[in-house]
Amino acid sequence: MRKDLMKAYETDASQLNGRALDVVHPKTVMEVRSIVAKTQRIVPRGAGTGLAGGCIPLNGLDVVLDLSKLNGIGSFDKERRTIEVGAGVILDDLQICLARNGLEFPINILNHNVCTVGGMIATDVGGSRMVKYGKISNWIKWIDVVDGYGNLHRKGVTELSDYVGMEGITGVIVRVCLKLLPLKKRTASLMKVENSEKVVSIVRDLKRNLNVSMIEFLDKKISVGMGLIEDYHLIVEYEDNSGLLKGREYEELMEMRNRIYSFVVGGSHVRIEDLKIMTDRFVKLITWLESVGIPIFGHIGVGILHPCFNRNQEKYIPEMMKFVKKLGGQISGEYGIGILKINLVDMNDKKILINVKKRTDPLNKFNVGKVI
């Protein structure tokens, strides 16, 4: 591939930069197998929307395997509520196809208009409806994976953990069978909340309601950016008529939520984190963040929150990570480890990851230098 065209493949949404040996664009699984078999180092890539540098080629040694052309949608089984799709299928395209048949895939994330199924699986995303539906791993029946020798394997539920959430270090996911649900007609409410203690109380009550599918938090700065008054806000989605906003009003609220990422990035916030904490530690966390002027939003129903840092605030990230660990939280809830957090992985977790890598990728071919 021409050097000038490769530049786009040498970075991702993390804005980190690398250097590729080459970029290839297979159109079929057989082409993937052939490329992998004869290539020494492979970096699988979906849409490049990752925020941890997980698909960035390193040191001019990696061949980027762009899987976006594996975008076939087929083998739809309406009765069993399953569908087989290629790793390059975009989430919105999948949802449009399913909606015509009265079904949907329950995982919903901010960049749904560009993210690919394979990329979602690589980081085991959960998204805004995680409070009800969990992560994407709960909705996979099987995956097809290409190993370092170019062989194709079908992995069922008991083997998914070797590949789902492993950020492409164990093999190339090329096809997947997803489980589906009947299409829901949802409603929502936008709640203004005066203080962080009240936020915690409301979230606890909402989590007891089985019809609640989304609890999103916006702090004061992000609320103002979305055209709301300067206060905390919760976006609460219901799978019944409990929400105050229905029809077009519901759609407008979801559209506002989808603009949060663009607002944050447009405001020169170059680093968005994805920490995870218990609900009862939220007050301590937001008190610290506000003391240094860090805006935050996220899936508060499951404790995954996104502090947003501009270049002048990046110096606070190590301090925040220490504070999160002190609160018993996790440094990554859904974006993955990639390059950015490779030095923050717990040693015991790292040992497990290394053993899985050795077992599934004995040639050390896939996404070298990431996660571990």
Protein backbone atom coordinates (compact mmCIF):
# COMPACT_ATOMS: atom_id res chain seq x y z
CA MET A 1 0.00 0.00 0.00
CA ARG A 2 1.21 3.54 -0.76
CA LYS A 3 2.94 5.21 2.20
CA ASP A 4 0.68 8.28 2.09
CA LEU A 5 -2.42 6.08 2.26
CA MET A 6 -1.03 4.05 5.18
CA LYS A 7 -1.00 7.05 7.52
CA ALA A 8 -4.67 6.61 8.41
CA TYR A 9 -3.92 3.06 9.55
CA GLU A 10 -1.03 4.11 11.78
CA THR A 11 -3.29 5.72 14.38
CA ASP A 12 -6.76 5.32 15.89
CA ALA A 13 -9.14 7.37 18.03
CA SER A 14 -6.54 7.38 20.84
CA GLN A 15 -4.47 9.75 18.65
CA LEU A 16 -1.37 7.67 19.33
CA ASN A 17 0.84 7.08 16.31
CA GLY A 18 2.73 4.03 15.04
CA ARG A 19 4.33 2.81 11.84
CA ALA A 20 3.09 0.00 9.59
CA LEU A 21 5.03 -2.35 7.34
CA ASP A 22 1.97 -2.70 5.10
CA VAL A 23 -1.84 -2.61 5.09
CA VAL A 24 -3.97 -5.34 3.48
CA HIS A 25 -7.71 -5.45 2.79
CA PRO A 26 -8.98 -9.04 2.55
CA LYS A 27 -12.47 -9.48 1.13
CA THR A 28 -13.00 -13.11 2.14
CA VAL A 29 -12.12 -15.44 5.01
CA MET A 30 -9.93 -17.44 2.64
CA GLU A 31 -7.91 -14.30 1.88
CA VAL A 32 -7.51 -13.68 5.62
CA ARG A 33 -6.22 -17.21 6.10
CA SER A 34 -3.71 -16.86 3.27
CA ILE A 35 -2.42 -13.49 4.51
CA VAL A 36 -2.06 -14.66 8.11
CA ALA A 37 -0.26 -17.86 7.11
CA LYS A 38 2.50 -16.02 5.24
CA THR A 39 2.83 -12.93 7.46
CA GLN A 40 5.10 -12.68 10.49
CA ARG A 41 3.25 -10.01 12.49
CA ILE A 42 -0.43 -9.08 12.19
CA VAL A 43 -2.48 -6.23 13.68
CA PRO A 44 -6.23 -6.87 13.18
CA ARG A 45 -8.23 -3.65 12.65
CA GLY A 46 -11.91 -2.79 12.51
CA ALA A 47 -13.04 0.84 12.29
CA GLY A 48 -10.12 2.28 14.26
CA THR A 49 -12.41 3.79 16.90
CA GLY A 50 -10.46 2.35 19.85
CA LEU A 51 -9.24 4.75 22.54
CA ALA A 52 -6.36 2.68 23.91
CA GLY A 53 -4.16 2.24 20.81
CA GLY A 54 -5.10 -1.41 20.42
CA CYS A 55 -4.90 -1.48 16.61
CA ILE A 56 -1.81 0.69 16.08
CA PRO A 57 1.10 -0.99 14.22
CA LEU A 58 4.47 -0.76 15.96
CA ASN A 59 8.01 -0.05 14.78
CA GLY A 60 7.30 -0.64 11.10
CA LEU A 61 7.10 -4.40 11.72
CA ASP A 62 3.36 -5.00 11.65
CA VAL A 63 1.03 -5.67 8.73
CA VAL A 64 -2.37 -4.09 9.43
CA LEU A 65 -5.21 -6.47 8.55
CA ASP A 66 -8.18 -4.23 7.70
CA LEU A 67 -11.26 -6.42 8.23
CA SER A 68 -13.84 -3.84 7.14
CA LYS A 69 -14.57 -5.65 3.88
CA LEU A 70 -15.75 -8.75 5.77
CA ASN A 71 -19.14 -7.07 6.00
CA GLY A 72 -21.54 -9.78 4.92
CA ILE A 73 -24.84 -10.24 6.80
CA GLY A 74 -26.50 -13.61 6.31
CA SER A 75 -27.80 -16.90 7.73
CA PHE A 76 -30.59 -15.12 9.58
CA ASP A 77 -32.75 -17.38 11.75
CA LYS A 78 -35.82 -15.46 12.93
CA GLU A 79 -37.24 -18.33 14.97
CA ARG A 80 -34.03 -19.01 16.88
CA ARG A 81 -33.23 -15.28 16.94
CA THR A 82 -29.68 -15.60 15.65
CA ILE A 83 -27.74 -14.07 12.79
CA GLU A 84 -24.30 -14.74 11.29
CA VAL A 85 -22.25 -11.69 10.33
CA GLY A 86 -18.74 -10.86 9.21
CA ALA A 87 -16.34 -9.10 11.59
CA GLY A 88 -16.44 -5.94 9.48
CA VAL A 89 -20.18 -5.36 9.76
CA ILE A 90 -21.04 -1.91 11.16
CA LEU A 91 -23.42 -1.98 14.12
CA ASP A 92 -25.95 0.46 12.60
CA ASP A 93 -26.10 -1.57 9.37
CA LEU A 94 -26.83 -4.67 11.43
CA GLN A 95 -29.58 -2.92 13.41
CA ILE A 96 -31.26 -1.61 10.24
CA CYS A 97 -31.29 -5.12 8.78
CA LEU A 98 -32.72 -6.61 11.97
CA ALA A 99 -35.38 -3.92 12.44
CA ARG A 100 -36.96 -4.91 9.11
CA ASN A 101 -37.61 -8.29 10.72
CA GLY A 102 -38.82 -6.98 14.09
CA LEU A 103 -35.56 -7.85 15.90
CA GLU A 104 -32.57 -6.03 17.35
CA PHE A 105 -29.12 -6.61 18.80
CA PRO A 106 -29.22 -5.25 22.38
CA ILE A 107 -25.69 -3.81 22.59
CA ASN A 108 -25.65 -0.04 22.02
CA ILE A 109 -22.52 2.14 22.02
CA LEU A 110 -21.82 5.79 21.22
CA ASN A 111 -20.01 5.18 17.93
CA HIS A 112 -22.67 2.76 16.65
CA ASN A 113 -22.60 4.39 13.23
CA VAL A 114 -18.98 3.38 12.55
CA CYS A 115 -17.93 0.62 14.97
CA THR A 116 -17.59 -2.93 13.65
CA VAL A 117 -18.78 -6.15 15.25
CA GLY A 118 -15.24 -7.56 15.30
CA GLY A 119 -13.88 -4.50 17.08
CA MET A 120 -16.68 -4.66 19.63
CA ILE A 121 -15.87 -8.29 20.34
CA ALA A 122 -12.15 -7.56 20.66
CA THR A 123 -12.79 -5.31 23.65
CA ASP A 124 -15.98 -7.06 24.86
CA VAL A 125 -17.94 -3.81 24.85
CA GLY A 126 -21.05 -3.26 26.90
CA GLY A 127 -22.28 0.23 26.10
CA SER A 128 -25.24 2.18 27.42
CA ARG A 129 -27.60 -0.76 28.01
CA MET A 130 -25.12 -2.80 30.00
CA VAL A 131 -27.17 -2.40 33.16
CA LYS A 132 -29.75 -4.77 31.64
CA TYR A 133 -27.95 -6.75 28.93
CA GLY A 134 -24.33 -6.96 30.07
CA LYS A 135 -21.46 -7.12 27.58
CA ILE A 136 -21.37 -8.40 24.02
CA SER A 137 -19.90 -11.72 25.21
CA ASN A 138 -23.36 -12.57 26.60
CA TRP A 139 -24.80 -12.34 23.09
CA ILE A 140 -22.39 -14.52 21.11
CA LYS A 141 -23.28 -18.08 20.13
CA TRP A 142 -19.99 -18.83 18.37
CA ILE A 143 -17.09 -17.13 16.60
CA ASP A 144 -14.85 -18.18 13.71
CA VAL A 145 -11.17 -17.47 14.38
CA VAL A 146 -8.06 -17.70 12.21
CA ASP A 147 -4.97 -18.89 14.10
CA GLY A 148 -1.32 -18.07 13.40
CA TYR A 149 -0.96 -20.93 10.91
CA GLY A 150 -3.92 -19.69 8.85
CA ASN A 151 -6.28 -22.40 10.09
CA LEU A 152 -9.95 -21.60 10.72
CA HIS A 153 -11.59 -22.68 13.99
CA ARG A 154 -15.13 -22.33 15.30
CA LYS A 155 -15.19 -21.51 19.01
CA GLY A 156 -18.28 -22.01 21.13
CA VAL A 157 -19.36 -20.47 24.41
CA THR A 158 -16.86 -22.36 26.57
CA GLU A 159 -13.90 -21.06 24.53
CA LEU A 160 -14.99 -17.48 23.94
CA SER A 161 -12.91 -16.06 26.79
CA ASP A 162 -9.72 -16.88 24.88
CA TYR A 163 -10.73 -14.37 22.17
CA VAL A 164 -13.51 -12.06 23.33
CA GLY A 165 -12.03 -9.07 25.13
CA MET A 166 -8.47 -10.14 24.26
CA GLU A 167 -7.94 -7.18 21.89
CA GLY A 168 -6.74 -9.28 18.97
CA ILE A 169 -3.66 -10.77 20.66
CA THR A 170 -4.86 -14.39 20.35
CA GLY A 171 -6.22 -14.65 16.79
CA VAL A 172 -8.28 -12.98 14.08
CA ILE A 173 -12.05 -13.05 14.56
CA VAL A 174 -13.61 -13.22 11.08
CA ARG A 175 -17.22 -14.27 11.61
CA VAL A 176 -19.69 -14.48 14.48
CA CYS A 177 -23.14 -15.79 15.30
CA LEU A 178 -25.05 -13.29 17.44
CA LYS A 179 -28.12 -13.80 19.61
CA LEU A 180 -31.00 -11.37 19.13
CA LEU A 181 -34.09 -9.94 20.82
CA PRO A 182 -37.51 -8.76 19.63
CA LEU A 183 -37.37 -5.06 18.72
CA LYS A 184 -38.23 -2.95 21.77
CA LYS A 185 -40.31 0.20 21.92
CA ARG A 186 -38.55 2.27 24.56
CA THR A 187 -39.23 5.42 26.55
CA ALA A 188 -36.91 7.60 28.62
CA SER A 189 -36.66 10.34 31.22
CA LEU A 190 -34.11 13.10 31.74
CA MET A 191 -33.55 13.69 35.45
CA LYS A 192 -31.92 16.79 36.92
CA VAL A 193 -30.10 15.96 40.16
CA GLU A 194 -28.80 18.55 42.61
CA ASN A 195 -25.87 16.72 44.21
CA SER A 196 -23.73 13.60 43.90
CA GLU A 197 -25.19 11.91 47.00
CA LYS A 198 -28.64 12.14 45.43
CA VAL A 199 -27.24 10.69 42.20
CA VAL A 200 -26.11 7.58 44.09
CA SER A 201 -29.49 7.21 45.82
CA ILE A 202 -31.46 7.49 42.57
CA VAL A 203 -29.18 5.05 40.73
CA ARG A 204 -29.58 2.44 43.48
CA ASP A 205 -33.37 2.68 43.18
CA LEU A 206 -33.31 2.54 39.39
CA LYS A 207 -31.16 -0.59 39.33
CA ARG A 208 -33.93 -2.45 41.16
CA ASN A 209 -36.32 -1.78 38.27
CA LEU A 210 -36.05 -4.63 35.74
CA ASN A 211 -37.52 -2.43 33.01
CA VAL A 212 -34.63 0.04 33.19
CA SER A 213 -32.16 -0.59 30.37
CA MET A 214 -29.97 2.52 30.57
CA ILE A 215 -28.70 4.85 33.31
CA GLU A 216 -26.31 7.46 31.90
CA PHE A 217 -24.64 10.22 33.90
CA LEU A 218 -23.70 13.72 32.73
CA ASP A 219 -21.78 16.03 35.04
CA LYS A 220 -22.36 19.79 35.20
CA LYS A 221 -19.87 20.74 32.46
CA ILE A 222 -21.14 18.17 29.99
CA SER A 223 -24.75 19.03 30.83
CA VAL A 224 -24.09 22.65 29.87
CA GLY A 225 -22.38 21.48 26.68
CA MET A 226 -25.54 19.56 25.78
CA GLY A 227 -27.69 22.67 26.26
CA LEU A 228 -28.96 21.73 29.73
CA ILE A 229 -28.78 23.79 32.91
CA GLU A 230 -25.63 23.58 35.02
CA ASP A 231 -26.45 20.58 37.18
CA TYR A 232 -25.98 16.81 37.18
CA HIS A 233 -28.29 14.85 34.88
CA LEU A 234 -29.29 11.22 34.45
CA ILE A 235 -30.61 9.80 31.19
CA VAL A 236 -32.81 6.85 32.11
CA GLU A 237 -34.23 4.50 29.48
CA TYR A 238 -37.13 2.12 30.11
CA GLU A 239 -38.42 -0.87 28.18
CA ASP A 240 -42.01 0.01 29.02
CA ASN A 241 -44.04 3.24 29.21
CA SER A 242 -42.50 4.46 32.48
CA GLY A 243 -40.42 7.17 30.80
CA LEU A 244 -41.80 10.68 30.37
CA LEU A 245 -40.35 10.99 26.86
CA LYS A 246 -41.85 8.91 24.10
CA GLY A 247 -41.71 8.79 20.33
CA ARG A 248 -39.86 11.73 18.81
CA GLU A 249 -39.00 13.21 22.24
CA TYR A 250 -37.32 9.93 23.17
CA GLU A 251 -35.37 9.94 19.89
CA GLU A 252 -34.22 13.53 20.49
CA LEU A 253 -32.90 12.61 23.94
CA MET A 254 -30.96 9.67 22.50
CA GLU A 255 -29.59 11.94 19.77
CA MET A 256 -28.39 14.34 22.44
CA ARG A 257 -26.68 11.49 24.25
CA ASN A 258 -24.96 10.48 21.01
CA ARG A 259 -23.51 14.00 20.69
CA ILE A 260 -21.61 13.79 23.97
CA TYR A 261 -18.51 12.23 22.44
CA SER A 262 -18.33 14.85 19.67
CA PHE A 263 -18.72 17.61 22.24
CA VAL A 264 -15.95 16.21 24.41
CA VAL A 265 -13.51 15.73 21.52
CA GLY A 266 -14.44 19.11 20.04
CA GLY A 267 -13.58 20.68 23.37
CA SER A 268 -9.94 19.59 22.97
CA HIS A 269 -10.20 16.67 25.39
CA VAL A 270 -7.55 14.40 23.92
CA ARG A 271 -7.86 11.57 26.43
CA ILE A 272 -11.07 9.86 27.54
CA GLU A 273 -10.66 7.20 30.23
CA ASP A 274 -13.00 4.31 31.11
CA LEU A 275 -12.55 3.54 34.78
CA LYS A 276 -14.96 1.33 36.71
CA ILE A 277 -15.98 1.81 40.34
CA MET A 278 -18.69 0.67 42.73
CA THR A 279 -21.69 3.00 42.92
CA ASP A 280 -21.08 3.88 46.58
CA ARG A 281 -17.59 5.21 45.69
CA PHE A 282 -18.96 7.62 43.10
CA VAL A 283 -19.18 10.61 45.43
CA LYS A 284 -15.49 10.41 46.36
CA LEU A 285 -14.50 10.06 42.72
CA ILE A 286 -16.48 12.99 41.37
CA THR A 287 -15.40 15.20 44.27
CA TRP A 288 -11.77 14.58 43.31
CA LEU A 289 -12.40 15.08 39.59
CA GLU A 290 -14.23 18.35 40.17
CA SER A 291 -11.39 19.60 42.37
CA VAL A 292 -9.08 19.50 39.33
CA GLY A 293 -11.68 20.47 36.73
CA ILE A 294 -12.12 17.13 34.94
CA PRO A 295 -15.53 16.63 33.22
CA ILE A 296 -17.08 13.16 33.37
CA PHE A 297 -19.93 11.15 31.85
CA GLY A 298 -20.73 7.46 31.51
CA HIS A 299 -22.71 4.33 32.28
CA ILE A 300 -23.22 4.97 35.98
CA GLY A 301 -25.67 2.06 36.25
CA VAL A 302 -22.71 -0.34 35.97
CA GLY A 303 -20.07 2.00 37.38
CA ILE A 304 -18.20 2.63 34.10
CA LEU A 305 -17.37 6.32 33.83
CA HIS A 306 -15.42 8.45 31.37
CA PRO A 307 -13.31 11.29 32.76
CA CYS A 308 -12.16 13.60 29.95
CA PHE A 309 -8.72 15.23 29.94
CA ASN A 310 -7.32 18.05 27.83
CA ARG A 311 -3.56 18.28 27.27
CA ASN A 312 -3.02 20.44 30.34
CA GLN A 313 -4.90 17.94 32.50
CA GLU A 314 -3.18 14.74 31.34
CA LYS A 315 -0.73 15.14 34.22
CA TYR A 316 -3.58 14.15 36.57
CA ILE A 317 -4.17 10.74 34.95
CA PRO A 318 -1.56 8.75 36.97
CA GLU A 319 -2.89 10.31 40.18
CA MET A 320 -6.45 9.42 39.18
CA MET A 321 -5.46 5.82 38.42
CA LYS A 322 -3.94 5.46 41.90
CA PHE A 323 -7.05 6.97 43.44
CA VAL A 324 -9.34 4.61 41.51
CA LYS A 325 -7.34 1.59 42.68
CA LYS A 326 -7.49 2.93 46.24
CA LEU A 327 -11.28 3.03 45.87
CA GLY A 328 -11.23 -0.64 44.80
CA GLY A 329 -12.00 0.20 41.17
CA GLN A 330 -10.62 -0.89 37.81
CA ILE A 331 -8.53 1.15 35.38
CA SER A 332 -10.45 -0.08 32.31
CA GLY A 333 -14.13 -0.87 32.06
CA GLU A 334 -14.71 -1.12 28.29
CA TYR A 335 -12.01 0.51 26.14
CA GLY A 336 -9.37 -2.14 26.71
CA ILE A 337 -5.67 -1.98 27.61
CA GLY A 338 -4.03 -1.57 24.20
CA ILE A 339 -0.82 0.44 24.48
CA LEU A 340 -1.99 3.17 26.83
CA LYS A 341 -2.53 1.03 29.93
CA ILE A 342 -0.10 -1.81 29.36
CA ASN A 343 1.99 -0.77 32.39
CA LEU A 344 -1.06 -0.61 34.66
CA VAL A 345 -2.19 -4.23 34.32
CA ASP A 346 -2.16 -6.14 37.62
CA MET A 347 0.67 -8.69 37.72
CA ASN A 348 -1.64 -11.63 38.46
CA ASP A 349 -3.92 -10.65 35.56
CA LYS A 350 -0.87 -10.26 33.34
CA LYS A 351 0.30 -13.80 34.09
CA ILE A 352 -3.09 -15.19 33.07
CA LEU A 353 -3.09 -13.16 29.85
CA ILE A 354 0.45 -14.29 28.99
CA ASN A 355 -0.54 -17.96 29.43
CA VAL A 356 -3.59 -17.53 27.18
CA LYS A 357 -1.44 -15.77 24.57
CA LYS A 358 1.16 -18.58 24.56
CA ARG A 359 -1.53 -21.24 24.21
CA THR A 360 -3.54 -19.58 21.43
CA ASP A 361 -0.73 -17.79 19.56
CA PRO A 362 2.46 -19.86 19.97
CA LEU A 363 4.03 -18.07 16.98
CA ASN A 364 3.55 -14.71 18.75
CA LYS A 365 2.06 -13.29 15.57
CA PHE A 366 -0.97 -11.26 16.66
CA ASN A 367 -0.94 -7.69 17.99
CA VAL A 368 2.49 -7.93 19.56
CA GLY A 369 3.19 -5.24 22.15
CA LYS A 370 -0.43 -4.77 23.20
CA VAL A 371 -2.16 -5.66 26.49
CA ILE A 372 0.79 -7.65 27.90
